[in-house]
Amino acid sequence: MGKPRKISGKRNKEFLSAQELALLMGLSRQTIRNWIDKGDIRAQQMGHSLKIPVHEVLRLLRHYGLPVPGWLKDWHARL
């Protein structure tokens, strides 16, 4: 995995896009899409996009030992 990057302005979201998760994990969007296709990541189809629920994002970040941004912890605590 590459170096995780910050996502700005993403507070109070229940879902993240594959691109947003890729940025958090330091991976490519295609890797995230491949994991979704294989069933390694649970995602929901919303219109033309696949969205990953916050609880799934947290699971992945913790599983791979990546830092969980404060805004994501705070948001999930309110769900």
N, C-alpha and C. Protein backbone atom coordinates (compact mmCIF):
# COMPACT_ATOMS: atom_id res chain seq x y z
N MET A 1 0.84 -1.17 0.00
CA MET A 1 0.00 0.00 0.00
C MET A 1 0.88 1.24 0.00
N GLY A 2 0.43 2.23 -0.70
CA GLY A 2 1.16 3.48 -0.75
C GLY A 2 0.88 4.32 0.48
N LYS A 3 1.27 5.56 0.42
CA LYS A 3 1.06 6.47 1.53
C LYS A 3 -0.39 6.97 1.52
N PRO A 4 -1.13 6.76 2.63
CA PRO A 4 -2.50 7.27 2.70
C PRO A 4 -2.52 8.79 2.58
N ARG A 5 -3.57 9.30 1.96
CA ARG A 5 -3.72 10.75 1.82
C ARG A 5 -5.00 11.18 2.50
N LYS A 6 -5.05 12.45 2.84
CA LYS A 6 -6.23 13.02 3.49
C LYS A 6 -7.30 13.33 2.46
N ILE A 7 -8.53 13.22 2.91
CA ILE A 7 -9.67 13.64 2.09
C ILE A 7 -10.22 14.88 2.77
N SER A 8 -10.27 15.97 2.05
CA SER A 8 -10.78 17.20 2.65
C SER A 8 -12.28 17.35 2.40
N GLY A 9 -12.96 17.94 3.36
CA GLY A 9 -14.37 18.26 3.21
C GLY A 9 -15.29 17.06 3.15
N LYS A 10 -14.96 15.96 3.84
CA LYS A 10 -15.77 14.76 3.76
C LYS A 10 -16.46 14.44 5.08
N ARG A 11 -16.79 15.42 5.83
CA ARG A 11 -17.43 15.19 7.12
C ARG A 11 -18.91 14.82 6.94
N ASN A 12 -19.42 14.05 7.91
CA ASN A 12 -20.84 13.68 7.95
C ASN A 12 -21.28 12.89 6.74
N LYS A 13 -20.44 11.97 6.30
CA LYS A 13 -20.81 11.11 5.18
C LYS A 13 -21.11 9.72 5.70
N GLU A 14 -22.13 9.10 5.16
CA GLU A 14 -22.45 7.72 5.52
C GLU A 14 -21.78 6.74 4.57
N PHE A 15 -21.37 7.21 3.41
CA PHE A 15 -20.75 6.37 2.39
C PHE A 15 -19.57 7.11 1.77
N LEU A 16 -18.58 6.35 1.34
CA LEU A 16 -17.47 6.91 0.59
C LEU A 16 -17.42 6.25 -0.77
N SER A 17 -16.89 6.94 -1.73
CA SER A 17 -16.71 6.37 -3.07
C SER A 17 -15.46 5.50 -3.07
N ALA A 18 -15.30 4.72 -4.11
CA ALA A 18 -14.10 3.90 -4.27
C ALA A 18 -12.86 4.79 -4.33
N GLN A 19 -12.98 5.93 -4.98
CA GLN A 19 -11.86 6.87 -5.08
C GLN A 19 -11.49 7.41 -3.71
N GLU A 20 -12.46 7.77 -2.91
CA GLU A 20 -12.18 8.30 -1.58
C GLU A 20 -11.52 7.25 -0.69
N LEU A 21 -12.01 6.01 -0.75
CA LEU A 21 -11.39 4.93 0.02
C LEU A 21 -9.97 4.67 -0.47
N ALA A 22 -9.77 4.71 -1.77
CA ALA A 22 -8.44 4.51 -2.33
C ALA A 22 -7.47 5.56 -1.79
N LEU A 23 -7.90 6.81 -1.72
CA LEU A 23 -7.04 7.87 -1.19
C LEU A 23 -6.70 7.62 0.28
N LEU A 24 -7.70 7.20 1.06
CA LEU A 24 -7.45 6.93 2.48
C LEU A 24 -6.46 5.78 2.67
N MET A 25 -6.51 4.80 1.78
CA MET A 25 -5.68 3.61 1.93
C MET A 25 -4.36 3.68 1.16
N GLY A 26 -4.20 4.69 0.35
CA GLY A 26 -2.98 4.81 -0.45
C GLY A 26 -2.94 3.79 -1.59
N LEU A 27 -4.11 3.48 -2.13
CA LEU A 27 -4.24 2.51 -3.22
C LEU A 27 -4.86 3.19 -4.44
N SER A 28 -4.96 2.44 -5.53
CA SER A 28 -5.65 2.96 -6.70
C SER A 28 -7.15 2.67 -6.60
N ARG A 29 -7.92 3.46 -7.31
CA ARG A 29 -9.37 3.23 -7.36
C ARG A 29 -9.65 1.86 -7.95
N GLN A 30 -8.86 1.45 -8.91
CA GLN A 30 -9.07 0.15 -9.55
C GLN A 30 -8.87 -1.00 -8.57
N THR A 31 -7.90 -0.88 -7.67
CA THR A 31 -7.70 -1.92 -6.65
C THR A 31 -8.94 -2.04 -5.78
N ILE A 32 -9.49 -0.91 -5.38
CA ILE A 32 -10.71 -0.93 -4.56
C ILE A 32 -11.85 -1.58 -5.35
N ARG A 33 -12.00 -1.21 -6.61
CA ARG A 33 -13.05 -1.81 -7.45
C ARG A 33 -12.84 -3.32 -7.58
N ASN A 34 -11.59 -3.76 -7.74
CA ASN A 34 -11.31 -5.19 -7.83
C ASN A 34 -11.72 -5.90 -6.54
N TRP A 35 -11.41 -5.30 -5.40
CA TRP A 35 -11.79 -5.90 -4.12
C TRP A 35 -13.30 -5.97 -3.96
N ILE A 36 -13.99 -4.94 -4.45
CA ILE A 36 -15.46 -4.96 -4.42
C ILE A 36 -15.98 -6.10 -5.30
N ASP A 37 -15.44 -6.21 -6.50
CA ASP A 37 -15.87 -7.27 -7.42
C ASP A 37 -15.63 -8.66 -6.85
N LYS A 38 -14.53 -8.84 -6.11
CA LYS A 38 -14.21 -10.13 -5.51
C LYS A 38 -15.02 -10.40 -4.24
N GLY A 39 -15.68 -9.38 -3.71
CA GLY A 39 -16.46 -9.53 -2.49
C GLY A 39 -15.67 -9.24 -1.23
N ASP A 40 -14.45 -8.73 -1.36
CA ASP A 40 -13.63 -8.40 -0.20
C ASP A 40 -14.09 -7.12 0.49
N ILE A 41 -14.78 -6.28 -0.26
CA ILE A 41 -15.34 -5.04 0.28
C ILE A 41 -16.83 -5.04 -0.05
N ARG A 42 -17.63 -4.76 0.98
CA ARG A 42 -19.07 -4.63 0.76
C ARG A 42 -19.38 -3.21 0.29
N ALA A 43 -20.11 -3.11 -0.81
CA ALA A 43 -20.47 -1.80 -1.35
C ALA A 43 -21.92 -1.86 -1.85
N GLN A 44 -22.50 -0.70 -2.00
CA GLN A 44 -23.88 -0.59 -2.48
C GLN A 44 -23.91 0.22 -3.76
N GLN A 45 -24.72 -0.23 -4.68
CA GLN A 45 -24.92 0.51 -5.93
C GLN A 45 -25.86 1.67 -5.65
N MET A 46 -25.42 2.87 -5.97
CA MET A 46 -26.25 4.08 -5.82
C MET A 46 -26.19 4.83 -7.13
N GLY A 47 -27.24 4.69 -7.89
CA GLY A 47 -27.23 5.28 -9.22
C GLY A 47 -26.20 4.57 -10.06
N HIS A 48 -25.27 5.33 -10.62
CA HIS A 48 -24.21 4.74 -11.45
C HIS A 48 -22.94 4.49 -10.66
N SER A 49 -22.98 4.72 -9.35
CA SER A 49 -21.77 4.62 -8.54
C SER A 49 -21.88 3.52 -7.50
N LEU A 50 -20.73 2.98 -7.12
CA LEU A 50 -20.65 2.07 -5.98
C LEU A 50 -20.19 2.87 -4.78
N LYS A 51 -20.87 2.74 -3.68
CA LYS A 51 -20.53 3.47 -2.46
C LYS A 51 -20.24 2.48 -1.34
N ILE A 52 -19.25 2.80 -0.52
CA ILE A 52 -18.83 1.94 0.57
C ILE A 52 -19.31 2.56 1.87
N PRO A 53 -20.07 1.80 2.68
CA PRO A 53 -20.55 2.33 3.96
C PRO A 53 -19.39 2.65 4.90
N VAL A 54 -19.58 3.64 5.75
CA VAL A 54 -18.55 4.07 6.69
C VAL A 54 -18.08 2.91 7.56
N HIS A 55 -18.99 2.06 8.03
CA HIS A 55 -18.57 0.95 8.89
C HIS A 55 -17.64 0.00 8.15
N GLU A 56 -17.81 -0.15 6.85
CA GLU A 56 -16.93 -0.99 6.05
C GLU A 56 -15.56 -0.31 5.86
N VAL A 57 -15.57 0.99 5.68
CA VAL A 57 -14.33 1.75 5.56
C VAL A 57 -13.52 1.60 6.85
N LEU A 58 -14.18 1.75 8.00
CA LEU A 58 -13.51 1.60 9.29
C LEU A 58 -12.93 0.19 9.44
N ARG A 59 -13.68 -0.81 9.05
CA ARG A 59 -13.21 -2.19 9.14
C ARG A 59 -11.92 -2.38 8.34
N LEU A 60 -11.91 -1.86 7.14
CA LEU A 60 -10.75 -2.01 6.27
C LEU A 60 -9.53 -1.26 6.82
N LEU A 61 -9.73 -0.03 7.25
CA LEU A 61 -8.61 0.75 7.78
C LEU A 61 -8.00 0.06 9.00
N ARG A 62 -8.86 -0.43 9.88
CA ARG A 62 -8.36 -1.11 11.08
C ARG A 62 -7.70 -2.43 10.72
N HIS A 63 -8.27 -3.17 9.78
CA HIS A 63 -7.71 -4.46 9.37
C HIS A 63 -6.28 -4.30 8.84
N TYR A 64 -6.06 -3.26 8.08
CA TYR A 64 -4.73 -3.03 7.48
C TYR A 64 -3.84 -2.14 8.35
N GLY A 65 -4.30 -1.80 9.55
CA GLY A 65 -3.48 -1.01 10.47
C GLY A 65 -3.24 0.41 10.01
N LEU A 66 -4.17 0.95 9.26
CA LEU A 66 -4.05 2.32 8.76
C LEU A 66 -4.73 3.29 9.72
N PRO A 67 -4.27 4.53 9.78
CA PRO A 67 -4.89 5.50 10.69
C PRO A 67 -6.32 5.81 10.27
N VAL A 68 -7.18 5.95 11.27
CA VAL A 68 -8.58 6.31 11.03
C VAL A 68 -8.70 7.81 11.29
N PRO A 69 -9.07 8.59 10.27
CA PRO A 69 -9.21 10.04 10.47
C PRO A 69 -10.24 10.34 11.55
N GLY A 70 -9.98 11.39 12.32
CA GLY A 70 -10.88 11.78 13.39
C GLY A 70 -12.31 12.01 12.92
N TRP A 71 -12.46 12.66 11.77
CA TRP A 71 -13.81 12.94 11.28
C TRP A 71 -14.57 11.65 11.01
N LEU A 72 -13.87 10.61 10.62
CA LEU A 72 -14.53 9.34 10.33
C LEU A 72 -14.93 8.63 11.62
N LYS A 73 -14.07 8.67 12.64
CA LYS A 73 -14.42 8.10 13.95
C LYS A 73 -15.62 8.81 14.53
N ASP A 74 -15.57 10.14 14.51
CA ASP A 74 -16.65 10.95 15.07
C ASP A 74 -17.97 10.68 14.38
N TRP A 75 -17.96 10.61 13.06
CA TRP A 75 -19.18 10.39 12.30
C TRP A 75 -19.75 9.01 12.62
N HIS A 76 -18.91 7.99 12.65
CA HIS A 76 -19.39 6.64 12.90
C HIS A 76 -19.96 6.52 14.32
N ALA A 77 -19.40 7.22 15.26
CA ALA A 77 -19.89 7.17 16.65
C ALA A 77 -21.32 7.70 16.75
N ARG A 78 -21.70 8.58 15.83
CA ARG A 78 -23.05 9.14 15.85
C ARG A 78 -24.08 8.28 15.15
N LEU A 79 -23.64 7.27 14.40
CA LEU A 79 -24.59 6.41 13.68
C LEU A 79 -25.32 5.48 14.62
